[in-house]
Amino acid sequence: MAHIHEFASLAGYAAVSTTTSASGAAIDLQPYLNDNHVQISATLNCIGVTGATGTLDVKLQESVDTTSGDFTDIVGATFTQLSTSTASLNTLQTIYFNTNKRYVRFATTAGGSTPSFSVVGQIQAIQRLV
């Protein structure tokens, strides 16, 4: 019996401006393949940068439930640090990761002197249809 799969793009951190450390909403991966070491991808697009000096670190975290304190970092699921220099503006990064936990989320840590970053993050996964 053949299994049919469809590629799905899941919003994870949609067009937010952040000046402090924050976490995105939990994304439920239950309907998506994350077994047999199938990699899931995540993209991060920096669409706006303002502020004197600063940085933004973005990573992915995983959990078996949606309790905020239960999320832990996914090893290797970290984007290249963004800075308030124009080099970070309009950059698109893609990373690949594995997880066997049901939920993932984006987590950001801002540093420096009054930075503001507008970023969009998405998770791309293969959906089980049959």
N, C-alpha and C. Protein backbone atom coordinates (compact mmCIF):
# COMPACT_ATOMS: atom_id res chain seq x y z
N MET A 1 0.83 -1.17 0.00
CA MET A 1 0.00 0.00 0.00
C MET A 1 0.88 1.24 0.00
N ALA A 2 0.63 2.15 -0.92
CA ALA A 2 1.42 3.37 -1.03
C ALA A 2 0.90 4.42 -0.05
N HIS A 3 1.83 5.17 0.48
CA HIS A 3 1.47 6.29 1.34
C HIS A 3 1.62 7.58 0.54
N ILE A 4 0.66 8.45 0.62
CA ILE A 4 0.70 9.71 -0.09
C ILE A 4 1.06 10.80 0.92
N HIS A 5 1.97 11.67 0.52
CA HIS A 5 2.41 12.74 1.39
C HIS A 5 2.29 14.07 0.67
N GLU A 6 2.07 15.12 1.43
CA GLU A 6 1.99 16.46 0.87
C GLU A 6 2.85 17.39 1.69
N PHE A 7 3.59 18.24 1.00
CA PHE A 7 4.45 19.21 1.67
C PHE A 7 3.57 20.32 2.25
N ALA A 8 3.80 20.68 3.49
CA ALA A 8 2.99 21.72 4.13
C ALA A 8 3.90 22.77 4.76
N SER A 9 3.47 24.01 4.68
CA SER A 9 4.20 25.10 5.30
C SER A 9 3.37 25.61 6.48
N LEU A 10 3.96 25.60 7.66
CA LEU A 10 3.26 25.96 8.89
C LEU A 10 3.82 27.28 9.42
N ALA A 11 2.96 28.24 9.63
CA ALA A 11 3.43 29.50 10.21
C ALA A 11 3.94 29.24 11.61
N GLY A 12 5.01 29.91 11.97
CA GLY A 12 5.55 29.70 13.29
C GLY A 12 5.86 30.98 14.02
N TYR A 13 6.25 31.99 13.31
CA TYR A 13 6.63 33.25 13.93
C TYR A 13 6.36 34.29 12.87
N ALA A 14 5.12 34.67 12.73
CA ALA A 14 4.69 35.45 11.57
C ALA A 14 4.84 36.94 11.78
N ALA A 15 5.64 37.55 10.95
CA ALA A 15 5.80 39.01 10.84
C ALA A 15 5.71 39.73 12.18
N VAL A 16 6.64 39.42 13.05
CA VAL A 16 6.64 40.07 14.35
C VAL A 16 7.82 41.03 14.46
N SER A 17 7.63 42.07 15.20
CA SER A 17 8.73 42.95 15.56
C SER A 17 9.09 42.63 17.00
N THR A 18 10.36 42.39 17.23
CA THR A 18 10.77 42.02 18.57
C THR A 18 11.93 42.89 19.03
N THR A 19 11.82 43.37 20.24
CA THR A 19 12.90 44.14 20.86
C THR A 19 13.39 43.45 22.13
N THR A 20 12.75 42.35 22.49
CA THR A 20 13.12 41.61 23.70
C THR A 20 13.13 40.12 23.37
N SER A 21 13.50 39.34 24.33
CA SER A 21 13.46 37.89 24.17
C SER A 21 12.00 37.43 24.20
N ALA A 22 11.67 36.46 23.34
CA ALA A 22 10.28 36.01 23.24
C ALA A 22 10.24 34.59 22.68
N SER A 23 9.08 33.98 22.79
CA SER A 23 8.85 32.65 22.21
C SER A 23 7.59 32.70 21.38
N GLY A 24 7.62 31.99 20.25
CA GLY A 24 6.45 31.90 19.39
C GLY A 24 5.46 30.88 19.93
N ALA A 25 4.35 30.77 19.25
CA ALA A 25 3.32 29.80 19.62
C ALA A 25 3.80 28.38 19.30
N ALA A 26 3.29 27.43 20.05
CA ALA A 26 3.62 26.02 19.80
C ALA A 26 3.00 25.58 18.48
N ILE A 27 3.77 24.84 17.70
CA ILE A 27 3.32 24.30 16.42
C ILE A 27 3.16 22.80 16.59
N ASP A 28 1.98 22.29 16.32
CA ASP A 28 1.67 20.86 16.49
C ASP A 28 2.13 20.09 15.26
N LEU A 29 3.07 19.18 15.45
CA LEU A 29 3.60 18.37 14.35
C LEU A 29 2.94 17.01 14.23
N GLN A 30 1.91 16.73 15.02
CA GLN A 30 1.32 15.41 15.00
C GLN A 30 0.89 14.95 13.60
N PRO A 31 0.26 15.81 12.78
CA PRO A 31 -0.16 15.35 11.46
C PRO A 31 0.98 15.27 10.43
N TYR A 32 2.20 15.51 10.86
CA TYR A 32 3.32 15.57 9.93
C TYR A 32 4.34 14.49 10.25
N LEU A 33 5.07 14.10 9.24
CA LEU A 33 6.09 13.09 9.42
C LEU A 33 7.26 13.65 10.22
N ASN A 34 7.57 13.03 11.30
CA ASN A 34 8.81 13.36 11.99
C ASN A 34 9.45 12.09 12.52
N ASP A 35 9.08 10.96 11.90
CA ASP A 35 9.69 9.69 12.26
C ASP A 35 10.68 9.28 11.18
N ASN A 36 11.36 8.21 11.39
CA ASN A 36 12.34 7.68 10.44
C ASN A 36 13.39 8.72 10.06
N HIS A 37 13.67 9.62 10.95
CA HIS A 37 14.71 10.64 10.74
C HIS A 37 14.46 11.50 9.52
N VAL A 38 13.19 11.73 9.17
CA VAL A 38 12.86 12.65 8.10
C VAL A 38 13.10 14.06 8.62
N GLN A 39 13.93 14.80 7.92
CA GLN A 39 14.23 16.15 8.39
C GLN A 39 13.08 17.10 8.10
N ILE A 40 12.89 18.01 9.01
CA ILE A 40 11.92 19.09 8.87
C ILE A 40 12.75 20.35 8.64
N SER A 41 12.23 21.28 7.84
CA SER A 41 12.99 22.50 7.61
C SER A 41 12.29 23.69 8.25
N ALA A 42 13.08 24.68 8.54
CA ALA A 42 12.56 25.94 9.09
C ALA A 42 13.26 27.08 8.36
N THR A 43 12.49 28.13 8.07
CA THR A 43 13.06 29.30 7.44
C THR A 43 12.85 30.52 8.32
N LEU A 44 13.76 31.46 8.21
CA LEU A 44 13.69 32.72 8.93
C LEU A 44 14.02 33.83 7.95
N ASN A 45 13.11 34.80 7.84
CA ASN A 45 13.31 35.93 6.94
C ASN A 45 13.32 37.21 7.78
N CYS A 46 14.39 37.97 7.68
CA CYS A 46 14.50 39.25 8.38
C CYS A 46 14.02 40.34 7.43
N ILE A 47 12.86 40.93 7.73
CA ILE A 47 12.27 41.90 6.82
C ILE A 47 12.39 43.34 7.31
N GLY A 48 12.93 43.53 8.49
CA GLY A 48 13.11 44.88 9.00
C GLY A 48 14.08 44.92 10.16
N VAL A 49 14.95 45.93 10.16
CA VAL A 49 15.94 46.10 11.23
C VAL A 49 16.04 47.59 11.54
N THR A 50 15.93 47.93 12.83
CA THR A 50 16.18 49.30 13.26
C THR A 50 16.89 49.25 14.61
N GLY A 51 17.44 50.37 15.00
CA GLY A 51 18.10 50.45 16.30
C GLY A 51 19.57 50.76 16.15
N ALA A 52 20.15 51.25 17.22
CA ALA A 52 21.55 51.65 17.20
C ALA A 52 22.47 50.46 17.03
N THR A 53 22.47 49.58 17.99
CA THR A 53 23.29 48.37 17.92
C THR A 53 22.49 47.24 18.56
N GLY A 54 22.66 46.07 18.07
CA GLY A 54 21.97 44.94 18.68
C GLY A 54 22.04 43.69 17.84
N THR A 55 21.59 42.61 18.46
CA THR A 55 21.60 41.30 17.81
C THR A 55 20.30 40.58 18.13
N LEU A 56 20.00 39.58 17.32
CA LEU A 56 18.86 38.70 17.57
C LEU A 56 19.29 37.27 17.29
N ASP A 57 19.17 36.43 18.31
CA ASP A 57 19.44 35.00 18.17
C ASP A 57 18.10 34.29 18.08
N VAL A 58 17.96 33.40 17.11
CA VAL A 58 16.72 32.66 16.91
C VAL A 58 17.03 31.18 16.87
N LYS A 59 16.26 30.40 17.63
CA LYS A 59 16.45 28.96 17.67
C LYS A 59 15.09 28.28 17.72
N LEU A 60 15.10 26.97 17.57
CA LEU A 60 13.88 26.17 17.69
C LEU A 60 13.95 25.35 18.97
N GLN A 61 12.78 25.20 19.58
CA GLN A 61 12.66 24.40 20.79
C GLN A 61 11.57 23.35 20.59
N GLU A 62 11.61 22.27 21.39
CA GLU A 62 10.67 21.17 21.25
C GLU A 62 10.09 20.79 22.61
N SER A 63 8.89 20.15 22.56
CA SER A 63 8.25 19.70 23.79
C SER A 63 7.22 18.62 23.46
N VAL A 64 6.88 17.82 24.46
CA VAL A 64 5.83 16.82 24.29
C VAL A 64 4.45 17.42 24.53
N ASP A 65 4.40 18.63 25.13
CA ASP A 65 3.12 19.30 25.35
C ASP A 65 3.32 20.80 25.14
N THR A 66 2.29 21.58 25.38
CA THR A 66 2.38 23.02 25.11
C THR A 66 2.72 23.86 26.34
N THR A 67 3.09 23.20 27.43
CA THR A 67 3.48 23.92 28.64
C THR A 67 4.79 24.66 28.37
N SER A 68 4.78 25.97 28.55
CA SER A 68 5.93 26.80 28.19
C SER A 68 7.23 26.33 28.83
N GLY A 69 7.19 25.96 30.09
CA GLY A 69 8.40 25.55 30.80
C GLY A 69 8.96 24.21 30.37
N ASP A 70 8.22 23.44 29.57
CA ASP A 70 8.67 22.12 29.14
C ASP A 70 9.48 22.15 27.85
N PHE A 71 9.55 23.28 27.17
CA PHE A 71 10.29 23.36 25.91
C PHE A 71 11.79 23.37 26.16
N THR A 72 12.52 22.62 25.34
CA THR A 72 13.97 22.59 25.40
C THR A 72 14.53 22.84 24.00
N ASP A 73 15.76 23.31 23.95
CA ASP A 73 16.39 23.60 22.66
C ASP A 73 16.58 22.33 21.84
N ILE A 74 16.37 22.43 20.53
CA ILE A 74 16.66 21.35 19.61
C ILE A 74 18.12 21.50 19.20
N VAL A 75 18.91 20.47 19.43
CA VAL A 75 20.33 20.52 19.12
C VAL A 75 20.52 20.82 17.63
N GLY A 76 21.32 21.84 17.35
CA GLY A 76 21.64 22.20 15.97
C GLY A 76 20.59 23.04 15.25
N ALA A 77 19.47 23.33 15.89
CA ALA A 77 18.39 24.10 15.23
C ALA A 77 18.49 25.57 15.62
N THR A 78 19.58 26.19 15.19
CA THR A 78 19.85 27.59 15.51
C THR A 78 20.18 28.33 14.22
N PHE A 79 19.58 29.49 14.03
CA PHE A 79 19.85 30.32 12.87
C PHE A 79 21.08 31.19 13.12
N THR A 80 21.71 31.66 12.03
CA THR A 80 22.82 32.59 12.15
C THR A 80 22.32 33.87 12.79
N GLN A 81 23.09 34.40 13.72
CA GLN A 81 22.70 35.60 14.46
C GLN A 81 22.45 36.78 13.53
N LEU A 82 21.35 37.49 13.79
CA LEU A 82 21.04 38.73 13.06
C LEU A 82 21.60 39.91 13.82
N SER A 83 21.96 40.97 13.09
CA SER A 83 22.44 42.18 13.75
C SER A 83 21.74 43.38 13.15
N THR A 84 21.89 44.52 13.80
CA THR A 84 21.23 45.74 13.31
C THR A 84 21.94 46.32 12.09
N SER A 85 23.02 45.70 11.64
CA SER A 85 23.66 46.15 10.41
C SER A 85 22.73 45.83 9.23
N THR A 86 22.89 46.55 8.16
CA THR A 86 22.02 46.32 6.99
C THR A 86 22.26 44.96 6.36
N ALA A 87 23.34 44.29 6.72
CA ALA A 87 23.62 42.97 6.16
C ALA A 87 22.55 41.95 6.55
N SER A 88 21.87 42.17 7.68
CA SER A 88 20.84 41.22 8.13
C SER A 88 19.49 41.46 7.44
N LEU A 89 19.29 42.64 6.88
CA LEU A 89 18.02 42.99 6.27
C LEU A 89 17.77 42.17 5.00
N ASN A 90 16.56 41.65 4.87
CA ASN A 90 16.14 40.86 3.72
C ASN A 90 16.94 39.58 3.54
N THR A 91 17.42 39.03 4.63
CA THR A 91 18.11 37.74 4.55
C THR A 91 17.12 36.61 4.79
N LEU A 92 17.31 35.52 4.10
CA LEU A 92 16.49 34.32 4.25
C LEU A 92 17.41 33.18 4.62
N GLN A 93 17.13 32.57 5.77
CA GLN A 93 17.94 31.44 6.23
C GLN A 93 17.07 30.20 6.30
N THR A 94 17.66 29.06 5.99
CA THR A 94 16.96 27.78 6.11
C THR A 94 17.83 26.83 6.91
N ILE A 95 17.22 26.16 7.88
CA ILE A 95 17.91 25.12 8.63
C ILE A 95 17.08 23.84 8.57
N TYR A 96 17.70 22.72 8.85
CA TYR A 96 17.04 21.41 8.87
C TYR A 96 17.24 20.79 10.23
N PHE A 97 16.21 20.11 10.73
CA PHE A 97 16.31 19.53 12.06
C PHE A 97 15.43 18.28 12.15
N ASN A 98 15.69 17.50 13.18
CA ASN A 98 14.89 16.32 13.50
C ASN A 98 14.31 16.50 14.90
N THR A 99 13.11 15.99 15.09
CA THR A 99 12.52 15.96 16.42
C THR A 99 11.57 14.77 16.49
N ASN A 100 11.46 14.18 17.64
CA ASN A 100 10.45 13.14 17.84
C ASN A 100 9.40 13.61 18.83
N LYS A 101 9.40 14.91 19.10
CA LYS A 101 8.42 15.48 20.02
C LYS A 101 7.30 16.14 19.21
N ARG A 102 6.15 16.26 19.82
CA ARG A 102 4.96 16.71 19.10
C ARG A 102 4.97 18.20 18.77
N TYR A 103 5.53 19.03 19.63
CA TYR A 103 5.44 20.48 19.46
C TYR A 103 6.82 21.11 19.27
N VAL A 104 6.87 22.12 18.42
CA VAL A 104 8.07 22.94 18.26
C VAL A 104 7.65 24.40 18.31
N ARG A 105 8.61 25.28 18.59
CA ARG A 105 8.35 26.71 18.57
C ARG A 105 9.65 27.46 18.28
N PHE A 106 9.51 28.69 17.81
CA PHE A 106 10.64 29.59 17.63
C PHE A 106 10.87 30.31 18.96
N ALA A 107 12.13 30.53 19.29
CA ALA A 107 12.49 31.30 20.49
C ALA A 107 13.56 32.31 20.10
N THR A 108 13.39 33.55 20.55
CA THR A 108 14.33 34.61 20.20
C THR A 108 14.95 35.22 21.45
N THR A 109 16.19 35.69 21.29
CA THR A 109 16.88 36.41 22.35
C THR A 109 17.49 37.65 21.72
N ALA A 110 17.02 38.83 22.14
CA ALA A 110 17.54 40.09 21.64
C ALA A 110 18.60 40.62 22.60
N GLY A 111 19.61 41.28 22.03
CA GLY A 111 20.65 41.85 22.86
C GLY A 111 21.12 43.17 22.27
N GLY A 112 21.78 43.97 23.07
CA GLY A 112 22.32 45.23 22.59
C GLY A 112 21.50 46.43 23.04
N SER A 113 21.65 47.51 22.33
CA SER A 113 21.04 48.77 22.70
C SER A 113 19.85 49.08 21.78
N THR A 114 18.67 48.87 22.27
CA THR A 114 17.39 49.16 21.60
C THR A 114 17.27 48.63 20.16
N PRO A 115 17.57 47.36 19.93
CA PRO A 115 17.37 46.84 18.58
C PRO A 115 15.89 46.50 18.36
N SER A 116 15.48 46.52 17.11
CA SER A 116 14.14 46.06 16.74
C SER A 116 14.26 45.28 15.45
N PHE A 117 13.80 44.03 15.48
CA PHE A 117 13.88 43.15 14.32
C PHE A 117 12.47 42.72 13.93
N SER A 118 12.17 42.78 12.64
CA SER A 118 10.93 42.22 12.12
C SER A 118 11.29 40.95 11.38
N VAL A 119 10.79 39.83 11.87
CA VAL A 119 11.15 38.52 11.30
C VAL A 119 9.90 37.68 11.04
N VAL A 120 10.02 36.80 10.06
CA VAL A 120 8.98 35.82 9.76
C VAL A 120 9.64 34.45 9.81
N GLY A 121 9.08 33.54 10.58
CA GLY A 121 9.60 32.18 10.66
C GLY A 121 8.54 31.18 10.25
N GLN A 122 8.96 30.15 9.53
CA GLN A 122 8.03 29.10 9.11
C GLN A 122 8.67 27.74 9.26
N ILE A 123 7.83 26.75 9.50
CA ILE A 123 8.23 25.35 9.53
C ILE A 123 7.66 24.69 8.28
N GLN A 124 8.47 23.90 7.60
CA GLN A 124 7.99 23.15 6.45
C GLN A 124 8.13 21.67 6.77
N ALA A 125 7.04 20.92 6.56
CA ALA A 125 7.04 19.50 6.90
C ALA A 125 6.23 18.73 5.88
N ILE A 126 6.35 17.43 5.91
CA ILE A 126 5.61 16.56 5.01
C ILE A 126 4.39 16.04 5.77
N GLN A 127 3.22 16.32 5.23
CA GLN A 127 1.97 15.93 5.89
C GLN A 127 1.56 14.53 5.46
N ARG A 128 1.09 13.74 6.44
CA ARG A 128 0.57 12.41 6.14
C ARG A 128 -0.87 12.55 5.64
N LEU A 129 -1.12 12.08 4.43
CA LEU A 129 -2.47 12.15 3.88
C LEU A 129 -3.19 10.83 3.95
N VAL A 130 -2.46 9.73 3.88
CA VAL A 130 -3.08 8.41 3.93
C VAL A 130 -2.37 7.57 4.96
